[in-house]
Structure formats: structure tokens, C-alpha cells
Amino acid sequence: MYTEDPVLRTGVVQLLRPRPEVEVLDPQDESRALVSLVVVDEVDDVVARLLRRLQRSSTTRTGVVVGRFDQDALQTTVDCGVSAVVRRGEADQNRLIGTVVALAKGEAVLPGDLLGRLLDHVGRLQRSVLDPNAPTLSTLTPREADMLRLIAEGFDTAEIATKMSFSERTVKNVLHEVNTRLNLRNRAHAVGYVMRHGLI
């Protein structure tokens, strides 16, 4: 176990030691450990170095119990091979024991909101690697996106003009501009294209 201060370490040990499911090892016995638990306020540069060292030099599976956790911390922990993240505010005895046991079994543990963020992040990475020139949300203006949404919902030019308070001519011009800029053949192609790339 790695903590920022002795008081924190004592508190975590007191939570873990009484339970038969886990054995808290002394530092001299760490070569027998299956799990490394890192308990910190935040994942800063010092903690990132520790996590990288554990990734390189240890055969344990690493879990992080952390006070503050943002998108950068999520990226760092993923890059460092961390298999579990628990927020300190949620780290009661049962949660900690469950996390350590899950890690020992080779499982991963992430709070639901972090899992969602991780999946979004992985999806963005895959899209950027597979097609770095793929369109992003900034490819369309809000007005263009709104018009394409309405086309996808089955509205014709006149209905779109009424709904958006534009003239039919403006709607046609905007849609023509989108088709020209993105090299699309017609409205159906435009709707399919933007839906396929997750732009609407």
C-alpha cells in the first residue's frame, strides 16, 4: 500500500486488516503482494511517477483510492495500467475490500460515471486513429446541425423554414453549402453521413 502520509495509511490498514478476505502485507513482504493500493488526494505528477514505477517494476494489479479525480487523472491512470479507481468519499470498508478482492481476481473496478467517460475517451481515440480526418462536431454550425436533424425527422424544406424562422431559400442554401463542403450528393446522403459520424 502506498499513501501520502502515515495517518492515511493507518486508517486504510485499520479498515482492511480485520477482514479475512485480505492480508495487509508489511513493506518487506511486498514481493508476495497481488494488489497494490495507492491512496492519495489527487493524481498529480508525483503520483503518476509512482504509478508508472509500479507498472514497470511490479507484477501486482494497481488500484487507486483518490480524493479528487478529473479527466486528466483518468487518462493518467489508464496510461499507467491502473485497474481500479475508488473515490475516497465512497471508500468504506466494504468498498475497499470489494475492490481489493476484485483486483486479485483480475477484474477492473470503476465508478459508473468514470466508466462512461472512459468509453467516450476510447471511442474518440479509436475514431482519431482509424480516421484522423473524420468530421467532428465543429464540422457543422449549430444551424446546419439543426436543419439536418429536422431532415432526419422527416421535415421538408417548407416545414424546416417555418420551424427555424428562415426563408425556404435560406434553408436550401444552407443545405447546399453542407453538401458542397462535405462532398455529399443529396439530403439523404448528408443525413446518413452526419449520423454515421455521430454529428447529430
N, C-alpha and C. Protein backbone atom coordinates (compact mmCIF):
# COMPACT_ATOMS: atom_id res chain seq x y z
N MET A 1 0.84 -1.18 0.00
CA MET A 1 0.00 0.00 0.00
C MET A 1 0.88 1.24 0.00
N TYR A 2 0.45 2.24 -0.78
CA TYR A 2 1.19 3.48 -0.89
C TYR A 2 0.25 4.62 -0.53
N THR A 3 0.65 5.42 0.46
CA THR A 3 -0.17 6.55 0.88
C THR A 3 0.70 7.79 1.00
N GLU A 4 0.04 8.94 1.04
CA GLU A 4 0.78 10.20 1.12
C GLU A 4 1.25 10.51 2.54
N ASP A 5 0.60 9.95 3.53
CA ASP A 5 1.01 10.22 4.90
C ASP A 5 0.69 9.03 5.81
N PRO A 6 1.38 8.93 6.94
CA PRO A 6 1.20 7.78 7.83
C PRO A 6 -0.20 7.68 8.45
N VAL A 7 -0.84 8.81 8.67
CA VAL A 7 -2.18 8.79 9.25
C VAL A 7 -3.16 8.13 8.28
N LEU A 8 -3.05 8.49 7.03
CA LEU A 8 -3.90 7.91 6.00
C LEU A 8 -3.65 6.41 5.88
N ARG A 9 -2.39 6.03 5.90
CA ARG A 9 -2.04 4.60 5.83
C ARG A 9 -2.65 3.84 7.00
N THR A 10 -2.52 4.40 8.20
CA THR A 10 -3.07 3.74 9.38
C THR A 10 -4.57 3.55 9.26
N GLY A 11 -5.26 4.57 8.75
CA GLY A 11 -6.70 4.47 8.60
C GLY A 11 -7.11 3.38 7.63
N VAL A 12 -6.43 3.29 6.49
CA VAL A 12 -6.76 2.27 5.50
C VAL A 12 -6.43 0.88 6.04
N VAL A 13 -5.28 0.75 6.68
CA VAL A 13 -4.90 -0.55 7.27
C VAL A 13 -5.93 -0.99 8.29
N GLN A 14 -6.41 -0.05 9.11
CA GLN A 14 -7.42 -0.39 10.12
C GLN A 14 -8.72 -0.88 9.48
N LEU A 15 -9.04 -0.36 8.31
CA LEU A 15 -10.24 -0.82 7.60
C LEU A 15 -10.03 -2.22 7.00
N LEU A 16 -8.84 -2.48 6.50
CA LEU A 16 -8.59 -3.73 5.78
C LEU A 16 -8.20 -4.91 6.67
N ARG A 17 -7.37 -4.66 7.68
CA ARG A 17 -6.75 -5.74 8.44
C ARG A 17 -7.74 -6.69 9.12
N PRO A 18 -8.86 -6.22 9.69
CA PRO A 18 -9.74 -7.15 10.41
C PRO A 18 -10.47 -8.15 9.51
N ARG A 19 -10.49 -7.91 8.22
CA ARG A 19 -11.29 -8.74 7.32
C ARG A 19 -10.49 -9.93 6.82
N PRO A 20 -11.08 -11.12 6.84
CA PRO A 20 -10.35 -12.33 6.44
C PRO A 20 -10.10 -12.42 4.94
N GLU A 21 -10.82 -11.63 4.13
CA GLU A 21 -10.68 -11.74 2.68
C GLU A 21 -9.34 -11.21 2.17
N VAL A 22 -8.69 -10.35 2.97
CA VAL A 22 -7.43 -9.74 2.53
C VAL A 22 -6.36 -9.88 3.59
N GLU A 23 -5.12 -9.83 3.13
CA GLU A 23 -3.98 -9.81 4.03
C GLU A 23 -3.18 -8.56 3.72
N VAL A 24 -3.01 -7.70 4.72
CA VAL A 24 -2.22 -6.48 4.55
C VAL A 24 -0.77 -6.84 4.85
N LEU A 25 0.08 -6.69 3.85
CA LEU A 25 1.48 -7.07 3.99
C LEU A 25 2.33 -5.91 4.47
N ASP A 26 3.37 -6.23 5.22
CA ASP A 26 4.35 -5.23 5.61
C ASP A 26 5.23 -4.93 4.40
N PRO A 27 5.85 -3.74 4.36
CA PRO A 27 6.66 -3.36 3.19
C PRO A 27 7.71 -4.40 2.80
N GLN A 28 8.33 -5.07 3.77
CA GLN A 28 9.37 -6.04 3.44
C GLN A 28 8.81 -7.29 2.74
N ASP A 29 7.49 -7.49 2.81
CA ASP A 29 6.86 -8.65 2.17
C ASP A 29 6.15 -8.31 0.86
N GLU A 30 6.40 -7.10 0.34
CA GLU A 30 5.62 -6.66 -0.82
C GLU A 30 5.82 -7.53 -2.06
N SER A 31 6.87 -8.31 -2.12
CA SER A 31 7.08 -9.18 -3.28
C SER A 31 6.00 -10.27 -3.37
N ARG A 32 5.30 -10.53 -2.26
CA ARG A 32 4.22 -11.53 -2.26
C ARG A 32 2.87 -10.92 -2.64
N ALA A 33 2.81 -9.61 -2.78
CA ALA A 33 1.53 -8.92 -2.97
C ALA A 33 0.92 -9.22 -4.34
N LEU A 34 -0.40 -9.36 -4.35
CA LEU A 34 -1.15 -9.48 -5.60
C LEU A 34 -1.72 -8.13 -6.03
N VAL A 35 -1.94 -7.26 -5.05
CA VAL A 35 -2.60 -5.97 -5.29
C VAL A 35 -1.79 -4.86 -4.66
N SER A 36 -1.63 -3.76 -5.38
CA SER A 36 -1.05 -2.53 -4.82
C SER A 36 -2.17 -1.51 -4.73
N LEU A 37 -2.34 -0.94 -3.56
CA LEU A 37 -3.36 0.08 -3.35
C LEU A 37 -2.66 1.41 -3.12
N VAL A 38 -2.99 2.40 -3.94
CA VAL A 38 -2.40 3.74 -3.84
C VAL A 38 -3.50 4.67 -3.36
N VAL A 39 -3.30 5.29 -2.18
CA VAL A 39 -4.32 6.15 -1.58
C VAL A 39 -3.78 7.57 -1.54
N VAL A 40 -4.44 8.47 -2.32
CA VAL A 40 -3.92 9.83 -2.49
C VAL A 40 -5.06 10.84 -2.56
N ASP A 41 -4.70 12.12 -2.42
CA ASP A 41 -5.69 13.18 -2.59
C ASP A 41 -6.05 13.38 -4.05
N GLU A 42 -5.03 13.36 -4.92
CA GLU A 42 -5.24 13.55 -6.35
C GLU A 42 -4.12 12.87 -7.12
N VAL A 43 -4.36 12.65 -8.39
CA VAL A 43 -3.34 12.05 -9.25
C VAL A 43 -2.53 13.18 -9.87
N ASP A 44 -1.46 13.57 -9.18
CA ASP A 44 -0.58 14.63 -9.68
C ASP A 44 0.66 13.99 -10.30
N ASP A 45 1.67 14.80 -10.59
CA ASP A 45 2.87 14.28 -11.25
C ASP A 45 3.61 13.26 -10.38
N VAL A 46 3.67 13.51 -9.07
CA VAL A 46 4.35 12.59 -8.16
C VAL A 46 3.65 11.23 -8.16
N VAL A 47 2.33 11.25 -8.08
CA VAL A 47 1.55 10.01 -8.08
C VAL A 47 1.67 9.31 -9.44
N ALA A 48 1.66 10.08 -10.52
CA ALA A 48 1.81 9.48 -11.85
C ALA A 48 3.15 8.76 -11.96
N ARG A 49 4.21 9.35 -11.40
CA ARG A 49 5.52 8.67 -11.42
C ARG A 49 5.48 7.37 -10.63
N LEU A 50 4.81 7.39 -9.48
CA LEU A 50 4.67 6.18 -8.67
C LEU A 50 3.90 5.11 -9.45
N LEU A 51 2.81 5.51 -10.09
CA LEU A 51 2.00 4.54 -10.85
C LEU A 51 2.80 3.95 -12.01
N ARG A 52 3.62 4.77 -12.67
CA ARG A 52 4.44 4.26 -13.76
C ARG A 52 5.50 3.29 -13.24
N ARG A 53 6.07 3.62 -12.07
CA ARG A 53 7.06 2.72 -11.47
C ARG A 53 6.42 1.38 -11.12
N LEU A 54 5.22 1.43 -10.54
CA LEU A 54 4.52 0.19 -10.21
C LEU A 54 4.23 -0.62 -11.48
N GLN A 55 3.85 0.08 -12.54
CA GLN A 55 3.53 -0.59 -13.80
C GLN A 55 4.77 -1.31 -14.35
N ARG A 56 5.93 -0.65 -14.24
CA ARG A 56 7.17 -1.23 -14.79
C ARG A 56 7.75 -2.33 -13.91
N SER A 57 7.72 -2.12 -12.59
CA SER A 57 8.52 -2.98 -11.72
C SER A 57 7.73 -3.97 -10.89
N SER A 58 6.42 -3.93 -10.97
CA SER A 58 5.62 -4.78 -10.09
C SER A 58 4.72 -5.70 -10.91
N THR A 59 4.45 -6.86 -10.36
CA THR A 59 3.51 -7.78 -11.01
C THR A 59 2.11 -7.65 -10.40
N THR A 60 1.95 -6.71 -9.48
CA THR A 60 0.65 -6.54 -8.84
C THR A 60 -0.31 -5.80 -9.76
N ARG A 61 -1.59 -5.93 -9.44
CA ARG A 61 -2.62 -5.11 -10.10
C ARG A 61 -2.86 -3.91 -9.20
N THR A 62 -2.92 -2.73 -9.80
CA THR A 62 -2.95 -1.49 -9.02
C THR A 62 -4.34 -0.89 -8.98
N GLY A 63 -4.72 -0.47 -7.77
CA GLY A 63 -5.94 0.29 -7.56
C GLY A 63 -5.60 1.63 -6.94
N VAL A 64 -6.38 2.64 -7.28
CA VAL A 64 -6.16 3.99 -6.74
C VAL A 64 -7.40 4.41 -5.97
N VAL A 65 -7.19 4.84 -4.74
CA VAL A 65 -8.24 5.45 -3.93
C VAL A 65 -7.90 6.93 -3.88
N VAL A 66 -8.78 7.77 -4.42
CA VAL A 66 -8.40 9.16 -4.69
C VAL A 66 -9.49 10.13 -4.22
N GLY A 67 -9.05 11.30 -3.74
CA GLY A 67 -10.00 12.33 -3.30
C GLY A 67 -10.60 13.07 -4.46
N ARG A 68 -9.76 13.67 -5.32
CA ARG A 68 -10.23 14.43 -6.48
C ARG A 68 -9.78 13.72 -7.75
N PHE A 69 -10.70 13.66 -8.71
CA PHE A 69 -10.39 12.89 -9.92
C PHE A 69 -11.01 13.58 -11.11
N ASP A 70 -10.17 14.00 -12.09
CA ASP A 70 -10.68 14.69 -13.27
C ASP A 70 -10.32 13.91 -14.54
N GLN A 71 -10.62 14.47 -15.69
CA GLN A 71 -10.38 13.79 -16.97
C GLN A 71 -8.90 13.49 -17.18
N ASP A 72 -8.02 14.43 -16.79
CA ASP A 72 -6.58 14.19 -16.94
C ASP A 72 -6.14 13.02 -16.07
N ALA A 73 -6.70 12.95 -14.86
CA ALA A 73 -6.35 11.85 -13.95
C ALA A 73 -6.81 10.52 -14.54
N LEU A 74 -7.97 10.52 -15.18
CA LEU A 74 -8.47 9.30 -15.81
C LEU A 74 -7.49 8.85 -16.89
N GLN A 75 -7.05 9.77 -17.72
CA GLN A 75 -6.09 9.44 -18.78
C GLN A 75 -4.80 8.88 -18.17
N THR A 76 -4.29 9.54 -17.13
CA THR A 76 -3.05 9.09 -16.49
C THR A 76 -3.19 7.69 -15.92
N THR A 77 -4.28 7.44 -15.20
CA THR A 77 -4.44 6.12 -14.59
C THR A 77 -4.57 5.04 -15.65
N VAL A 78 -5.26 5.33 -16.74
CA VAL A 78 -5.37 4.34 -17.83
C VAL A 78 -3.99 4.09 -18.43
N ASP A 79 -3.25 5.15 -18.71
CA ASP A 79 -1.91 5.01 -19.28
C ASP A 79 -0.98 4.22 -18.37
N CYS A 80 -1.19 4.31 -17.06
CA CYS A 80 -0.32 3.65 -16.09
C CYS A 80 -0.81 2.25 -15.71
N GLY A 81 -1.83 1.77 -16.40
CA GLY A 81 -2.28 0.40 -16.16
C GLY A 81 -3.07 0.19 -14.88
N VAL A 82 -3.62 1.26 -14.32
CA VAL A 82 -4.43 1.13 -13.11
C VAL A 82 -5.71 0.37 -13.44
N SER A 83 -6.06 -0.59 -12.60
CA SER A 83 -7.23 -1.43 -12.87
C SER A 83 -8.45 -1.06 -12.05
N ALA A 84 -8.29 -0.21 -11.06
CA ALA A 84 -9.43 0.17 -10.22
C ALA A 84 -9.27 1.60 -9.73
N VAL A 85 -10.37 2.32 -9.69
CA VAL A 85 -10.40 3.66 -9.11
C VAL A 85 -11.59 3.72 -8.16
N VAL A 86 -11.34 4.17 -6.95
CA VAL A 86 -12.40 4.37 -5.95
C VAL A 86 -12.24 5.78 -5.41
N ARG A 87 -13.34 6.51 -5.34
CA ARG A 87 -13.28 7.84 -4.74
C ARG A 87 -13.17 7.69 -3.22
N ARG A 88 -12.32 8.50 -2.61
CA ARG A 88 -12.11 8.36 -1.17
C ARG A 88 -13.39 8.56 -0.38
N GLY A 89 -14.26 9.45 -0.85
CA GLY A 89 -15.52 9.69 -0.15
C GLY A 89 -16.43 8.47 -0.14
N GLU A 90 -16.19 7.53 -1.06
CA GLU A 90 -17.01 6.31 -1.14
C GLU A 90 -16.26 5.09 -0.63
N ALA A 91 -15.06 5.29 -0.09
CA ALA A 91 -14.19 4.17 0.26
C ALA A 91 -14.43 3.68 1.69
N ASP A 92 -15.60 3.12 1.92
CA ASP A 92 -15.84 2.48 3.22
C ASP A 92 -15.18 1.09 3.22
N GLN A 93 -15.30 0.39 4.33
CA GLN A 93 -14.63 -0.90 4.45
C GLN A 93 -15.07 -1.89 3.37
N ASN A 94 -16.37 -2.01 3.16
CA ASN A 94 -16.86 -2.97 2.17
C ASN A 94 -16.40 -2.62 0.76
N ARG A 95 -16.40 -1.33 0.42
CA ARG A 95 -15.97 -0.92 -0.92
C ARG A 95 -14.48 -1.23 -1.11
N LEU A 96 -13.67 -0.93 -0.10
CA LEU A 96 -12.24 -1.22 -0.23
C LEU A 96 -11.97 -2.71 -0.35
N ILE A 97 -12.62 -3.50 0.50
CA ILE A 97 -12.44 -4.96 0.45
C ILE A 97 -12.88 -5.49 -0.91
N GLY A 98 -14.05 -5.05 -1.36
CA GLY A 98 -14.56 -5.49 -2.66
C GLY A 98 -13.60 -5.15 -3.79
N THR A 99 -13.00 -3.97 -3.73
CA THR A 99 -12.06 -3.54 -4.76
C THR A 99 -10.81 -4.40 -4.75
N VAL A 100 -10.25 -4.64 -3.56
CA VAL A 100 -9.02 -5.45 -3.45
C VAL A 100 -9.28 -6.87 -3.94
N VAL A 101 -10.41 -7.44 -3.56
CA VAL A 101 -10.75 -8.81 -3.98
C VAL A 101 -10.94 -8.87 -5.50
N ALA A 102 -11.64 -7.87 -6.05
CA ALA A 102 -11.84 -7.83 -7.50
C ALA A 102 -10.51 -7.72 -8.23
N LEU A 103 -9.61 -6.87 -7.74
CA LEU A 103 -8.29 -6.73 -8.36
C LEU A 103 -7.53 -8.05 -8.32
N ALA A 104 -7.57 -8.73 -7.17
CA ALA A 104 -6.87 -10.01 -7.03
C ALA A 104 -7.39 -11.05 -8.02
N LYS A 105 -8.67 -10.94 -8.38
CA LYS A 105 -9.27 -11.87 -9.35
C LYS A 105 -9.03 -11.44 -10.79
N GLY A 106 -8.38 -10.30 -10.98
CA GLY A 106 -8.11 -9.82 -12.34
C GLY A 106 -9.21 -8.95 -12.92
N GLU A 107 -10.11 -8.49 -12.08
CA GLU A 107 -11.22 -7.66 -12.54
C GLU A 107 -10.86 -6.18 -12.44
N ALA A 108 -11.62 -5.36 -13.13
CA ALA A 108 -11.44 -3.91 -13.07
C ALA A 108 -12.61 -3.30 -12.31
N VAL A 109 -12.36 -2.20 -11.64
CA VAL A 109 -13.40 -1.52 -10.86
C VAL A 109 -13.34 -0.03 -11.17
N LEU A 110 -14.45 0.50 -11.69
CA LEU A 110 -14.55 1.94 -11.95
C LEU A 110 -15.95 2.41 -11.59
N PRO A 111 -16.08 3.59 -10.99
CA PRO A 111 -17.42 4.15 -10.80
C PRO A 111 -18.10 4.35 -12.16
N GLY A 112 -19.42 4.24 -12.19
CA GLY A 112 -20.17 4.31 -13.45
C GLY A 112 -19.87 5.53 -14.28
N ASP A 113 -19.79 6.72 -13.64
CA ASP A 113 -19.56 7.93 -14.43
C ASP A 113 -18.17 7.93 -15.05
N LEU A 114 -17.20 7.35 -14.35
CA LEU A 114 -15.85 7.27 -14.92
C LEU A 114 -15.80 6.26 -16.05
N LEU A 115 -16.56 5.18 -15.92
CA LEU A 115 -16.61 4.19 -16.98
C LEU A 115 -17.18 4.82 -18.25
N GLY A 116 -18.25 5.62 -18.09
CA GLY A 116 -18.83 6.31 -19.24
C GLY A 116 -17.82 7.25 -19.88
N ARG A 117 -17.07 7.99 -19.05
CA ARG A 117 -16.07 8.91 -19.59
C ARG A 117 -14.96 8.14 -20.31
N LEU A 118 -14.57 7.01 -19.71
CA LEU A 118 -13.52 6.20 -20.32
C LEU A 118 -13.96 5.67 -21.68
N LEU A 119 -15.19 5.19 -21.76
CA LEU A 119 -15.70 4.67 -23.04
C LEU A 119 -15.76 5.78 -24.09
N ASP A 120 -16.19 6.97 -23.68
CA ASP A 120 -16.21 8.11 -24.61
C ASP A 120 -14.80 8.42 -25.10
N HIS A 121 -13.86 8.41 -24.15
CA HIS A 121 -12.46 8.71 -24.47
C HIS A 121 -11.90 7.68 -25.45
N VAL A 122 -12.15 6.41 -25.17
CA VAL A 122 -11.66 5.34 -26.04
C VAL A 122 -12.29 5.48 -27.43
N GLY A 123 -13.58 5.78 -27.48
CA GLY A 123 -14.25 5.97 -28.77
C GLY A 123 -13.62 7.10 -29.57
N ARG A 124 -13.31 8.21 -28.89
CA ARG A 124 -12.67 9.34 -29.58
C ARG A 124 -11.30 8.94 -30.09
N LEU A 125 -10.54 8.21 -29.26
CA LEU A 125 -9.21 7.77 -29.67
C LEU A 125 -9.30 6.85 -30.89
N GLN A 126 -10.23 5.91 -30.85
CA GLN A 126 -10.37 4.99 -31.98
C GLN A 126 -10.71 5.75 -33.25
N ARG A 127 -11.64 6.70 -33.13
CA ARG A 127 -12.03 7.46 -34.32
C ARG A 127 -10.85 8.27 -34.85
N SER A 128 -10.05 8.85 -33.93
CA SER A 128 -8.93 9.68 -34.38
C SER A 128 -7.83 8.83 -34.99
N VAL A 129 -7.65 7.60 -34.50
CA VAL A 129 -6.63 6.71 -35.05
C VAL A 129 -7.10 6.11 -36.38
N LEU A 130 -8.35 5.64 -36.41
CA LEU A 130 -8.86 5.00 -37.61
C LEU A 130 -9.10 5.99 -38.74
N ASP A 131 -9.57 7.18 -38.39
CA ASP A 131 -9.84 8.19 -39.41
C ASP A 131 -9.55 9.57 -38.84
N PRO A 132 -8.26 9.95 -38.81
CA PRO A 132 -7.90 11.24 -38.19
C PRO A 132 -8.52 12.43 -38.90
N ASN A 133 -8.96 12.26 -40.14
CA ASN A 133 -9.57 13.37 -40.86
C ASN A 133 -11.10 13.34 -40.79
N ALA A 134 -11.63 12.45 -39.95
CA ALA A 134 -13.09 12.35 -39.83
C ALA A 134 -13.67 13.65 -39.29
N PRO A 135 -14.90 13.93 -39.64
CA PRO A 135 -15.51 15.18 -39.17
C PRO A 135 -15.78 15.14 -37.66
N THR A 136 -15.78 16.31 -37.08
CA THR A 136 -16.12 16.44 -35.66
C THR A 136 -17.32 17.36 -35.56
N LEU A 137 -17.80 17.58 -34.35
CA LEU A 137 -18.95 18.47 -34.17
C LEU A 137 -18.69 19.86 -34.73
N SER A 138 -17.44 20.28 -34.74
CA SER A 138 -17.13 21.61 -35.26
C SER A 138 -17.25 21.66 -36.79
N THR A 139 -17.44 20.50 -37.42
CA THR A 139 -17.63 20.46 -38.88
C THR A 139 -18.91 21.19 -39.28
N LEU A 140 -19.93 21.15 -38.42
CA LEU A 140 -21.23 21.76 -38.71
C LEU A 140 -21.48 22.94 -37.77
N THR A 141 -22.12 23.96 -38.31
CA THR A 141 -22.58 25.04 -37.45
C THR A 141 -23.84 24.55 -36.72
N PRO A 142 -24.22 25.18 -35.61
CA PRO A 142 -25.45 24.77 -34.93
C PRO A 142 -26.67 24.82 -35.86
N ARG A 143 -26.71 25.84 -36.73
CA ARG A 143 -27.84 25.97 -37.66
C ARG A 143 -27.87 24.79 -38.63
N GLU A 144 -26.70 24.42 -39.16
CA GLU A 144 -26.63 23.28 -40.08
C GLU A 144 -27.05 21.99 -39.40
N ALA A 145 -26.54 21.79 -38.19
CA ALA A 145 -26.89 20.57 -37.45
C ALA A 145 -28.39 20.51 -37.18
N ASP A 146 -28.98 21.65 -36.79
CA ASP A 146 -30.43 21.68 -36.52
C ASP A 146 -31.23 21.33 -37.78
N MET A 147 -30.79 21.88 -38.91
CA MET A 147 -31.51 21.58 -40.16
C MET A 147 -31.40 20.10 -40.52
N LEU A 148 -30.23 19.54 -40.37
CA LEU A 148 -30.06 18.12 -40.69
C LEU A 148 -30.84 17.22 -39.72
N ARG A 149 -30.94 17.63 -38.46
CA ARG A 149 -31.78 16.88 -37.51
C ARG A 149 -33.23 16.86 -37.98
N LEU A 150 -33.71 18.02 -38.41
CA LEU A 150 -35.09 18.12 -38.87
C LEU A 150 -35.32 17.29 -40.13
N ILE A 151 -34.35 17.29 -41.04
CA ILE A 151 -34.47 16.43 -42.23
C ILE A 151 -34.53 14.97 -41.79
N ALA A 152 -33.67 14.60 -40.84
CA ALA A 152 -33.66 13.21 -40.35
C ALA A 152 -35.00 12.84 -39.73
N GLU A 153 -35.71 13.83 -39.18
CA GLU A 153 -37.02 13.57 -38.57
C GLU A 153 -38.14 13.62 -39.61
N GLY A 154 -37.80 13.85 -40.88
CA GLY A 154 -38.79 13.77 -41.95
C GLY A 154 -39.41 15.08 -42.38
N PHE A 155 -38.91 16.21 -41.91
CA PHE A 155 -39.47 17.51 -42.30
C PHE A 155 -38.97 17.92 -43.67
N ASP A 156 -39.84 18.58 -44.45
CA ASP A 156 -39.42 19.07 -45.76
C ASP A 156 -38.92 20.51 -45.63
N THR A 157 -38.49 21.09 -46.76
CA THR A 157 -37.89 22.43 -46.74
C THR A 157 -38.82 23.48 -46.14
N ALA A 158 -40.08 23.47 -46.54
CA ALA A 158 -41.03 24.47 -46.04
C ALA A 158 -41.22 24.34 -44.53
N GLU A 159 -41.33 23.11 -44.05
CA GLU A 159 -41.53 22.89 -42.61
C GLU A 159 -40.29 23.32 -41.81
N ILE A 160 -39.13 23.03 -42.37
CA ILE A 160 -37.89 23.44 -41.69
C ILE A 160 -37.81 24.97 -41.64
N ALA A 161 -38.15 25.61 -42.74
CA ALA A 161 -38.13 27.08 -42.79
C ALA A 161 -39.06 27.66 -41.73
N THR A 162 -40.25 27.09 -41.60
CA THR A 162 -41.21 27.58 -40.60
C THR A 162 -40.69 27.35 -39.19
N LYS A 163 -40.21 26.14 -38.93
CA LYS A 163 -39.74 25.81 -37.58
C LYS A 163 -38.56 26.68 -37.15
N MET A 164 -37.68 26.98 -38.10
CA MET A 164 -36.45 27.70 -37.75
C MET A 164 -36.54 29.20 -38.04
N SER A 165 -37.69 29.65 -38.55
CA SER A 165 -37.89 31.08 -38.86
C SER A 165 -36.90 31.59 -39.91
N PHE A 166 -36.68 30.78 -40.94
CA PHE A 166 -35.87 31.18 -42.08
C PHE A 166 -36.75 31.10 -43.32
N SER A 167 -36.27 31.68 -44.40
CA SER A 167 -36.97 31.50 -45.67
C SER A 167 -36.57 30.14 -46.24
N GLU A 168 -37.40 29.63 -47.14
CA GLU A 168 -37.08 28.35 -47.79
C GLU A 168 -35.77 28.48 -48.56
N ARG A 169 -35.56 29.63 -49.14
CA ARG A 169 -34.32 29.85 -49.90
C ARG A 169 -33.09 29.71 -48.99
N THR A 170 -33.17 30.28 -47.77
CA THR A 170 -32.05 30.17 -46.82
C THR A 170 -31.79 28.70 -46.46
N VAL A 171 -32.87 27.96 -46.21
CA VAL A 171 -32.73 26.54 -45.87
C VAL A 171 -32.03 25.81 -47.01
N LYS A 172 -32.48 26.04 -48.24
CA LYS A 172 -31.88 25.38 -49.40
C LYS A 172 -30.40 25.75 -49.54
N ASN A 173 -30.08 27.03 -49.32
CA ASN A 173 -28.69 27.49 -49.43
C ASN A 173 -27.80 26.84 -48.37
N VAL A 174 -28.30 26.78 -47.15
CA VAL A 174 -27.52 26.18 -46.06
C VAL A 174 -27.25 24.70 -46.35
N LEU A 175 -28.29 23.99 -46.78
CA LEU A 175 -28.14 22.57 -47.07
C LEU A 175 -27.22 22.34 -48.27
N HIS A 176 -27.32 23.22 -49.27
CA HIS A 176 -26.42 23.12 -50.42
C HIS A 176 -24.97 23.31 -49.97
N GLU A 177 -24.75 24.30 -49.09
CA GLU A 177 -23.41 24.57 -48.58
C GLU A 177 -22.84 23.35 -47.85
N VAL A 178 -23.66 22.69 -47.02
CA VAL A 178 -23.21 21.49 -46.30
C VAL A 178 -22.83 20.39 -47.30
N ASN A 179 -23.71 20.15 -48.29
CA ASN A 179 -23.44 19.11 -49.29
C ASN A 179 -22.16 19.39 -50.06
N THR A 180 -21.95 20.64 -50.42
CA THR A 180 -20.76 21.02 -51.18
C THR A 180 -19.51 20.86 -50.32
N ARG A 181 -19.55 21.39 -49.10
CA ARG A 181 -18.38 21.36 -48.21
C ARG A 181 -17.97 19.93 -47.85
N LEU A 182 -18.96 19.05 -47.65
CA LEU A 182 -18.66 17.68 -47.22
C LEU A 182 -18.64 16.69 -48.39
N ASN A 183 -18.79 17.20 -49.60
CA ASN A 183 -18.77 16.33 -50.79
C ASN A 183 -19.89 15.30 -50.77
N LEU A 184 -21.11 15.74 -50.50
CA LEU A 184 -22.25 14.84 -50.41
C LEU A 184 -23.16 15.04 -51.61
N ARG A 185 -23.91 13.97 -51.97
CA ARG A 185 -24.72 14.02 -53.19
C ARG A 185 -26.09 14.65 -52.98
N ASN A 186 -26.73 14.37 -51.85
CA ASN A 186 -28.09 14.86 -51.64
C ASN A 186 -28.40 14.87 -50.14
N ARG A 187 -29.63 15.21 -49.80
CA ARG A 187 -30.02 15.30 -48.39
C ARG A 187 -29.92 13.95 -47.66
N ALA A 188 -30.35 12.91 -48.33
CA ALA A 188 -30.29 11.58 -47.70
C ALA A 188 -28.85 11.20 -47.40
N HIS A 189 -27.97 11.49 -48.34
CA HIS A 189 -26.55 11.21 -48.14
C HIS A 189 -26.02 12.06 -46.98
N ALA A 190 -26.43 13.32 -46.91
CA ALA A 190 -25.99 14.21 -45.84
C ALA A 190 -26.44 13.69 -44.47
N VAL A 191 -27.70 13.28 -44.37
CA VAL A 191 -28.22 12.77 -43.09
C VAL A 191 -27.49 11.50 -42.70
N GLY A 192 -27.32 10.59 -43.65
CA GLY A 192 -26.61 9.35 -43.35
C GLY A 192 -25.18 9.61 -42.91
N TYR A 193 -24.52 10.54 -43.57
CA TYR A 193 -23.13 10.88 -43.27
C TYR A 193 -22.99 11.42 -41.85
N VAL A 194 -23.81 12.42 -41.51
CA VAL A 194 -23.67 13.04 -40.20
C VAL A 194 -24.10 12.09 -39.07
N MET A 195 -25.08 11.23 -39.35
CA MET A 195 -25.48 10.25 -38.32
C MET A 195 -24.40 9.20 -38.12
N ARG A 196 -23.80 8.76 -39.20
CA ARG A 196 -22.75 7.75 -39.13
C ARG A 196 -21.55 8.26 -38.35
N HIS A 197 -21.28 9.55 -38.45
CA HIS A 197 -20.14 10.13 -37.75
C HIS A 197 -20.54 10.75 -36.40
N GLY A 198 -21.77 10.53 -35.99
CA GLY A 198 -22.22 10.99 -34.67
C GLY A 198 -22.31 12.49 -34.54
N LEU A 199 -22.56 13.18 -35.64
CA LEU A 199 -22.61 14.64 -35.61
C LEU A 199 -24.00 15.17 -35.27
N ILE A 200 -25.03 14.34 -35.39
CA ILE A 200 -26.38 14.75 -34.95
C ILE A 200 -26.99 13.61 -34.15
